[in-house]
Amino acid sequence: MVLSDEDIKSFQDLYRSNFGKEISKEDAYESGIKLLRLMSLAYKPMTQTEYDFVQKHRKEILKDNFSFEPIV
């Protein structure tokens, strides 16, 4: 992975606005690469089969947790 000078500058700006500290170009590059690596490991698009399974499971859980009986 490679970050452009523009990407590094954007990361420095975001870091400054969020943490109130300036970081060097080298630190911004290193942190930016680490963030991209983390995102590539954490984010994986799911297949249609996986999506269908999650939706089915979610509906079953909601049905079980929210089945109310009328109070008389």
PDB file of N, CA and C in Angstrom:
ATOM      1  N   MET A   1       0.835  -1.174   0.000  1.00  0.00           N
ATOM      2  CA  MET A   1       0.000   0.000   0.000  1.00  0.00           C
ATOM      3  C   MET A   1       0.882   1.240   0.000  1.00  0.00           C
ATOM      4  N   VAL A   2       0.408   2.225  -0.717  1.00  0.00           N
ATOM      5  CA  VAL A   2       1.148   3.472  -0.796  1.00  0.00           C
ATOM      6  C   VAL A   2       0.167   4.622  -0.585  1.00  0.00           C
ATOM      7  N   LEU A   3       0.582   5.588   0.204  1.00  0.00           N
ATOM      8  CA  LEU A   3      -0.218   6.794   0.405  1.00  0.00           C
ATOM      9  C   LEU A   3       0.423   7.937  -0.369  1.00  0.00           C
ATOM     10  N   SER A   4      -0.400   8.697  -1.054  1.00  0.00           N
ATOM     11  CA  SER A   4       0.112   9.854  -1.785  1.00  0.00           C
ATOM     12  C   SER A   4       0.408  10.987  -0.802  1.00  0.00           C
ATOM     13  N   ASP A   5       1.129  11.996  -1.262  1.00  0.00           N
ATOM     14  CA  ASP A   5       1.403  13.158  -0.422  1.00  0.00           C
ATOM     15  C   ASP A   5       0.098  13.829   0.005  1.00  0.00           C
ATOM     16  N   GLU A   6      -0.892  13.832  -0.881  1.00  0.00           N
ATOM     17  CA  GLU A   6      -2.189  14.416  -0.571  1.00  0.00           C
ATOM     18  C   GLU A   6      -2.896  13.618   0.535  1.00  0.00           C
ATOM     19  N   ASP A   7      -2.793  12.282   0.460  1.00  0.00           N
ATOM     20  CA  ASP A   7      -3.379  11.426   1.498  1.00  0.00           C
ATOM     21  C   ASP A   7      -2.717  11.679   2.855  1.00  0.00           C
ATOM     22  N   ILE A   8      -1.412  11.809   2.845  1.00  0.00           N
ATOM     23  CA  ILE A   8      -0.666  12.044   4.082  1.00  0.00           C
ATOM     24  C   ILE A   8      -1.065  13.390   4.682  1.00  0.00           C
ATOM     25  N   LYS A   9      -1.168  14.417   3.838  1.00  0.00           N
ATOM     26  CA  LYS A   9      -1.572  15.747   4.307  1.00  0.00           C
ATOM     27  C   LYS A   9      -2.986  15.687   4.889  1.00  0.00           C
ATOM     28  N   SER A  10      -3.886  14.965   4.232  1.00  0.00           N
ATOM     29  CA  SER A  10      -5.253  14.818   4.741  1.00  0.00           C
ATOM     30  C   SER A  10      -5.252  14.125   6.096  1.00  0.00           C
ATOM     31  N   PHE A  11      -4.426  13.088   6.233  1.00  0.00           N
ATOM     32  CA  PHE A  11      -4.337  12.386   7.511  1.00  0.00           C
ATOM     33  C   PHE A  11      -3.812  13.317   8.596  1.00  0.00           C
ATOM     34  N   GLN A  12      -2.788  14.117   8.266  1.00  0.00           N
ATOM     35  CA  GLN A  12      -2.254  15.073   9.241  1.00  0.00           C
ATOM     36  C   GLN A  12      -3.338  16.069   9.667  1.00  0.00           C
ATOM     37  N   ASP A  13      -4.119  16.549   8.710  1.00  0.00           N
ATOM     38  CA  ASP A  13      -5.194  17.501   9.017  1.00  0.00           C
ATOM     39  C   ASP A  13      -6.258  16.860   9.911  1.00  0.00           C
ATOM     40  N   LEU A  14      -6.649  15.643   9.588  1.00  0.00           N
ATOM     41  CA  LEU A  14      -7.638  14.932  10.403  1.00  0.00           C
ATOM     42  C   LEU A  14      -7.110  14.685  11.813  1.00  0.00           C
ATOM     43  N   TYR A  15      -5.854  14.289  11.905  1.00  0.00           N
ATOM     44  CA  TYR A  15      -5.245  14.029  13.212  1.00  0.00           C
ATOM     45  C   TYR A  15      -5.234  15.310  14.048  1.00  0.00           C
ATOM     46  N   ARG A  16      -4.833  16.414  13.422  1.00  0.00           N
ATOM     47  CA  ARG A  16      -4.773  17.688  14.133  1.00  0.00           C
ATOM     48  C   ARG A  16      -6.163  18.111  14.599  1.00  0.00           C
ATOM     49  N   SER A  17      -7.174  17.950  13.726  1.00  0.00           N
ATOM     50  CA  SER A  17      -8.522  18.391  14.105  1.00  0.00           C
ATOM     51  C   SER A  17      -9.141  17.499  15.186  1.00  0.00           C
ATOM     52  N   ASN A  18      -8.752  16.228  15.228  1.00  0.00           N
ATOM     53  CA  ASN A  18      -9.324  15.314  16.216  1.00  0.00           C
ATOM     54  C   ASN A  18      -8.551  15.261  17.526  1.00  0.00           C
ATOM     55  N   PHE A  19      -7.232  15.434  17.459  1.00  0.00           N
ATOM     56  CA  PHE A  19      -6.411  15.275  18.659  1.00  0.00           C
ATOM     57  C   PHE A  19      -5.688  16.551  19.084  1.00  0.00           C
ATOM     58  N   GLY A  20      -5.756  17.596  18.270  1.00  0.00           N
ATOM     59  CA  GLY A  20      -5.134  18.866  18.619  1.00  0.00           C
ATOM     60  C   GLY A  20      -3.623  18.838  18.625  1.00  0.00           C
ATOM     61  N   LYS A  21      -3.025  17.857  17.946  1.00  0.00           N
ATOM     62  CA  LYS A  21      -1.566  17.741  17.899  1.00  0.00           C
ATOM     63  C   LYS A  21      -1.110  17.617  16.449  1.00  0.00           C
ATOM     64  N   GLU A  22       0.046  18.192  16.185  1.00  0.00           N
ATOM     65  CA  GLU A  22       0.670  18.049  14.871  1.00  0.00           C
ATOM     66  C   GLU A  22       1.481  16.755  14.852  1.00  0.00           C
ATOM     67  N   ILE A  23       1.454  16.057  13.734  1.00  0.00           N
ATOM     68  CA  ILE A  23       2.319  14.883  13.589  1.00  0.00           C
ATOM     69  C   ILE A  23       3.139  15.051  12.315  1.00  0.00           C
ATOM     70  N   SER A  24       4.302  14.436  12.320  1.00  0.00           N
ATOM     71  CA  SER A  24       5.199  14.543  11.176  1.00  0.00           C
ATOM     72  C   SER A  24       4.644  13.767   9.985  1.00  0.00           C
ATOM     73  N   LYS A  25       5.197  14.046   8.832  1.00  0.00           N
ATOM     74  CA  LYS A  25       4.797  13.342   7.617  1.00  0.00           C
ATOM     75  C   LYS A  25       5.058  11.845   7.759  1.00  0.00           C
ATOM     76  N   GLU A  26       6.184  11.498   8.381  1.00  0.00           N
ATOM     77  CA  GLU A  26       6.542  10.093   8.574  1.00  0.00           C
ATOM     78  C   GLU A  26       5.548   9.392   9.507  1.00  0.00           C
ATOM     79  N   ASP A  27       5.195  10.065  10.611  1.00  0.00           N
ATOM     80  CA  ASP A  27       4.226   9.490  11.546  1.00  0.00           C
ATOM     81  C   ASP A  27       2.852   9.359  10.902  1.00  0.00           C
ATOM     82  N   ALA A  28       2.473  10.360  10.115  1.00  0.00           N
ATOM     83  CA  ALA A  28       1.183  10.311   9.426  1.00  0.00           C
ATOM     84  C   ALA A  28       1.160   9.162   8.421  1.00  0.00           C
ATOM     85  N   TYR A  29       2.257   8.977   7.709  1.00  0.00           N
ATOM     86  CA  TYR A  29       2.334   7.883   6.739  1.00  0.00           C
ATOM     87  C   TYR A  29       2.210   6.531   7.450  1.00  0.00           C
ATOM     88  N   GLU A  30       2.975   6.366   8.519  1.00  0.00           N
ATOM     89  CA  GLU A  30       2.961   5.097   9.253  1.00  0.00           C
ATOM     90  C   GLU A  30       1.580   4.814   9.844  1.00  0.00           C
ATOM     91  N   SER A  31       0.983   5.823  10.473  1.00  0.00           N
ATOM     92  CA  SER A  31      -0.347   5.641  11.062  1.00  0.00           C
ATOM     93  C   SER A  31      -1.404   5.398   9.991  1.00  0.00           C
ATOM     94  N   GLY A  32      -1.286   6.086   8.867  1.00  0.00           N
ATOM     95  CA  GLY A  32      -2.231   5.905   7.768  1.00  0.00           C
ATOM     96  C   GLY A  32      -2.162   4.505   7.185  1.00  0.00           C
ATOM     97  N   ILE A  33      -0.947   3.994   7.016  1.00  0.00           N
ATOM     98  CA  ILE A  33      -0.771   2.632   6.503  1.00  0.00           C
ATOM     99  C   ILE A  33      -1.350   1.625   7.489  1.00  0.00           C
ATOM    100  N   LYS A  34      -1.109   1.834   8.782  1.00  0.00           N
ATOM    101  CA  LYS A  34      -1.653   0.926   9.796  1.00  0.00           C
ATOM    102  C   LYS A  34      -3.180   0.942   9.782  1.00  0.00           C
ATOM    103  N   LEU A  35      -3.761   2.125   9.627  1.00  0.00           N
ATOM    104  CA  LEU A  35      -5.222   2.236   9.572  1.00  0.00           C
ATOM    105  C   LEU A  35      -5.780   1.517   8.347  1.00  0.00           C
ATOM    106  N   LEU A  36      -5.143   1.701   7.204  1.00  0.00           N
ATOM    107  CA  LEU A  36      -5.589   1.015   5.993  1.00  0.00           C
ATOM    108  C   LEU A  36      -5.472  -0.500   6.139  1.00  0.00           C
ATOM    109  N   ARG A  37      -4.404  -0.954   6.752  1.00  0.00           N
ATOM    110  CA  ARG A  37      -4.219  -2.395   6.969  1.00  0.00           C
ATOM    111  C   ARG A  37      -5.307  -2.946   7.888  1.00  0.00           C
ATOM    112  N   LEU A  38      -5.586  -2.219   8.962  1.00  0.00           N
ATOM    113  CA  LEU A  38      -6.645  -2.629   9.881  1.00  0.00           C
ATOM    114  C   LEU A  38      -7.988  -2.716   9.157  1.00  0.00           C
ATOM    115  N   MET A  39      -8.291  -1.700   8.355  1.00  0.00           N
ATOM    116  CA  MET A  39      -9.558  -1.689   7.623  1.00  0.00           C
ATOM    117  C   MET A  39      -9.629  -2.840   6.629  1.00  0.00           C
ATOM    118  N   SER A  40      -8.522  -3.150   5.972  1.00  0.00           N
ATOM    119  CA  SER A  40      -8.545  -4.248   5.001  1.00  0.00           C
ATOM    120  C   SER A  40      -8.737  -5.596   5.689  1.00  0.00           C
ATOM    121  N   LEU A  41      -8.272  -5.719   6.932  1.00  0.00           N
ATOM    122  CA  LEU A  41      -8.470  -6.957   7.680  1.00  0.00           C
ATOM    123  C   LEU A  41      -9.873  -7.041   8.264  1.00  0.00           C
ATOM    124  N   ALA A  42     -10.397  -5.900   8.722  1.00  0.00           N
ATOM    125  CA  ALA A  42     -11.689  -5.897   9.405  1.00  0.00           C
ATOM    126  C   ALA A  42     -12.865  -5.904   8.440  1.00  0.00           C
ATOM    127  N   TYR A  43     -12.715  -5.245   7.300  1.00  0.00           N
ATOM    128  CA  TYR A  43     -13.827  -5.117   6.373  1.00  0.00           C
ATOM    129  C   TYR A  43     -13.739  -6.186   5.301  1.00  0.00           C
ATOM    130  N   LYS A  44     -14.768  -6.992   5.237  1.00  0.00           N
ATOM    131  CA  LYS A  44     -14.851  -8.000   4.191  1.00  0.00           C
ATOM    132  C   LYS A  44     -16.301  -8.028   3.734  1.00  0.00           C
ATOM    133  N   PRO A  45     -16.558  -7.664   2.498  1.00  0.00           N
ATOM    134  CA  PRO A  45     -17.945  -7.714   2.033  1.00  0.00           C
ATOM    135  C   PRO A  45     -18.499  -9.127   2.178  1.00  0.00           C
ATOM    136  N   MET A  46     -19.772  -9.219   2.561  1.00  0.00           N
ATOM    137  CA  MET A  46     -20.355 -10.551   2.723  1.00  0.00           C
ATOM    138  C   MET A  46     -21.039 -10.989   1.438  1.00  0.00           C
ATOM    139  N   THR A  47     -21.104 -12.284   1.287  1.00  0.00           N
ATOM    140  CA  THR A  47     -21.786 -12.854   0.129  1.00  0.00           C
ATOM    141  C   THR A  47     -23.290 -12.759   0.342  1.00  0.00           C
ATOM    142  N   GLN A  48     -24.043 -12.982  -0.719  1.00  0.00           N
ATOM    143  CA  GLN A  48     -25.503 -12.970  -0.606  1.00  0.00           C
ATOM    144  C   GLN A  48     -25.978 -14.049   0.362  1.00  0.00           C
ATOM    145  N   THR A  49     -25.323 -15.203   0.344  1.00  0.00           N
ATOM    146  CA  THR A  49     -25.682 -16.297   1.250  1.00  0.00           C
ATOM    147  C   THR A  49     -25.468 -15.882   2.697  1.00  0.00           C
ATOM    148  N   GLU A  50     -24.322 -15.248   2.993  1.00  0.00           N
ATOM    149  CA  GLU A  50     -24.053 -14.781   4.352  1.00  0.00           C
ATOM    150  C   GLU A  50     -25.070 -13.722   4.783  1.00  0.00           C
ATOM    151  N   TYR A  51     -25.397 -12.814   3.866  1.00  0.00           N
ATOM    152  CA  TYR A  51     -26.370 -11.767   4.157  1.00  0.00           C
ATOM    153  C   TYR A  51     -27.738 -12.374   4.481  1.00  0.00           C
ATOM    154  N   ASP A  52     -28.168 -13.320   3.670  1.00  0.00           N
ATOM    155  CA  ASP A  52     -29.458 -13.979   3.897  1.00  0.00           C
ATOM    156  C   ASP A  52     -29.488 -14.677   5.252  1.00  0.00           C
ATOM    157  N   PHE A  53     -28.393 -15.336   5.615  1.00  0.00           N
ATOM    158  CA  PHE A  53     -28.305 -16.011   6.908  1.00  0.00           C
ATOM    159  C   PHE A  53     -28.435 -15.014   8.059  1.00  0.00           C
ATOM    160  N   VAL A  54     -27.735 -13.904   7.965  1.00  0.00           N
ATOM    161  CA  VAL A  54     -27.771 -12.881   9.017  1.00  0.00           C
ATOM    162  C   VAL A  54     -29.177 -12.306   9.139  1.00  0.00           C
ATOM    163  N   GLN A  55     -29.818 -12.027   8.012  1.00  0.00           N
ATOM    164  CA  GLN A  55     -31.165 -11.470   8.051  1.00  0.00           C
ATOM    165  C   GLN A  55     -32.157 -12.447   8.669  1.00  0.00           C
ATOM    166  N   LYS A  56     -32.047 -13.718   8.314  1.00  0.00           N
ATOM    167  CA  LYS A  56     -32.932 -14.737   8.873  1.00  0.00           C
ATOM    168  C   LYS A  56     -32.729 -14.844  10.389  1.00  0.00           C
ATOM    169  N   HIS A  57     -31.473 -14.877  10.809  1.00  0.00           N
ATOM    170  CA  HIS A  57     -31.141 -14.968  12.237  1.00  0.00           C
ATOM    171  C   HIS A  57     -31.663 -13.745  12.995  1.00  0.00           C
ATOM    172  N   ARG A  58     -31.482 -12.571  12.425  1.00  0.00           N
ATOM    173  CA  ARG A  58     -31.937 -11.327  13.053  1.00  0.00           C
ATOM    174  C   ARG A  58     -33.455 -11.344  13.247  1.00  0.00           C
ATOM    175  N   LYS A  59     -34.182 -11.780  12.236  1.00  0.00           N
ATOM    176  CA  LYS A  59     -35.641 -11.835  12.340  1.00  0.00           C
ATOM    177  C   LYS A  59     -36.089 -12.826  13.410  1.00  0.00           C
ATOM    178  N   GLU A  60     -35.391 -13.949  13.520  1.00  0.00           N
ATOM    179  CA  GLU A  60     -35.736 -14.938  14.549  1.00  0.00           C
ATOM    180  C   GLU A  60     -35.511 -14.374  15.951  1.00  0.00           C
ATOM    181  N   ILE A  61     -34.414 -13.685  16.138  1.00  0.00           N
ATOM    182  CA  ILE A  61     -34.107 -13.088  17.439  1.00  0.00           C
ATOM    183  C   ILE A  61     -35.126 -12.018  17.789  1.00  0.00           C
ATOM    184  N   LEU A  62     -35.448 -11.159  16.821  1.00  0.00           N
ATOM    185  CA  LEU A  62     -36.420 -10.102  17.087  1.00  0.00           C
ATOM    186  C   LEU A  62     -37.789 -10.692  17.403  1.00  0.00           C
ATOM    187  N   LYS A  63     -38.176 -11.732  16.683  1.00  0.00           N
ATOM    188  CA  LYS A  63     -39.466 -12.367  16.919  1.00  0.00           C
ATOM    189  C   LYS A  63     -39.518 -12.937  18.339  1.00  0.00           C
ATOM    190  N   ASP A  64     -38.443 -13.589  18.758  1.00  0.00           N
ATOM    191  CA  ASP A  64     -38.392 -14.193  20.092  1.00  0.00           C
ATOM    192  C   ASP A  64     -38.388 -13.144  21.195  1.00  0.00           C
ATOM    193  N   ASN A  65     -37.725 -12.038  20.977  1.00  0.00           N
ATOM    194  CA  ASN A  65     -37.584 -11.023  22.023  1.00  0.00           C
ATOM    195  C   ASN A  65     -38.743 -10.036  22.072  1.00  0.00           C
ATOM    196  N   PHE A  66     -39.521  -9.949  21.016  1.00  0.00           N
ATOM    197  CA  PHE A  66     -40.571  -8.945  20.975  1.00  0.00           C
ATOM    198  C   PHE A  66     -41.955  -9.543  20.730  1.00  0.00           C
ATOM    199  N   SER A  67     -42.169 -10.742  21.154  1.00  0.00           N
ATOM    200  CA  SER A  67     -43.519 -11.313  21.034  1.00  0.00           C
ATOM    201  C   SER A  67     -44.279 -10.988  22.316  1.00  0.00           C
ATOM    202  N   PHE A  68     -45.171 -10.012  22.204  1.00  0.00           N
ATOM    203  CA  PHE A  68     -45.916  -9.546  23.358  1.00  0.00           C
ATOM    204  C   PHE A  68     -47.290 -10.191  23.394  1.00  0.00           C
ATOM    205  N   GLU A  69     -47.726 -10.446  24.582  1.00  0.00           N
ATOM    206  CA  GLU A  69     -49.093 -10.923  24.775  1.00  0.00           C
ATOM    207  C   GLU A  69     -49.896  -9.751  25.337  1.00  0.00           C
ATOM    208  N   PRO A  70     -51.120  -9.593  24.881  1.00  0.00           N
ATOM    209  CA  PRO A  70     -51.914  -8.467  25.372  1.00  0.00           C
ATOM    210  C   PRO A  70     -52.181  -8.565  26.872  1.00  0.00           C
ATOM    211  N   ILE A  71     -52.171  -7.442  27.520  1.00  0.00           N
ATOM    212  CA  ILE A  71     -52.471  -7.385  28.955  1.00  0.00           C
ATOM    213  C   ILE A  71     -53.971  -7.156  29.096  1.00  0.00           C
ATOM    214  N   VAL A  72     -54.616  -8.023  29.829  1.00  0.00           N
ATOM    215  CA  VAL A  72     -56.070  -7.914  29.976  1.00  0.00           C
ATOM    216  C   VAL A  72     -56.429  -7.551  31.396  1.00  0.00           C
TER     217      VAL A  72
END
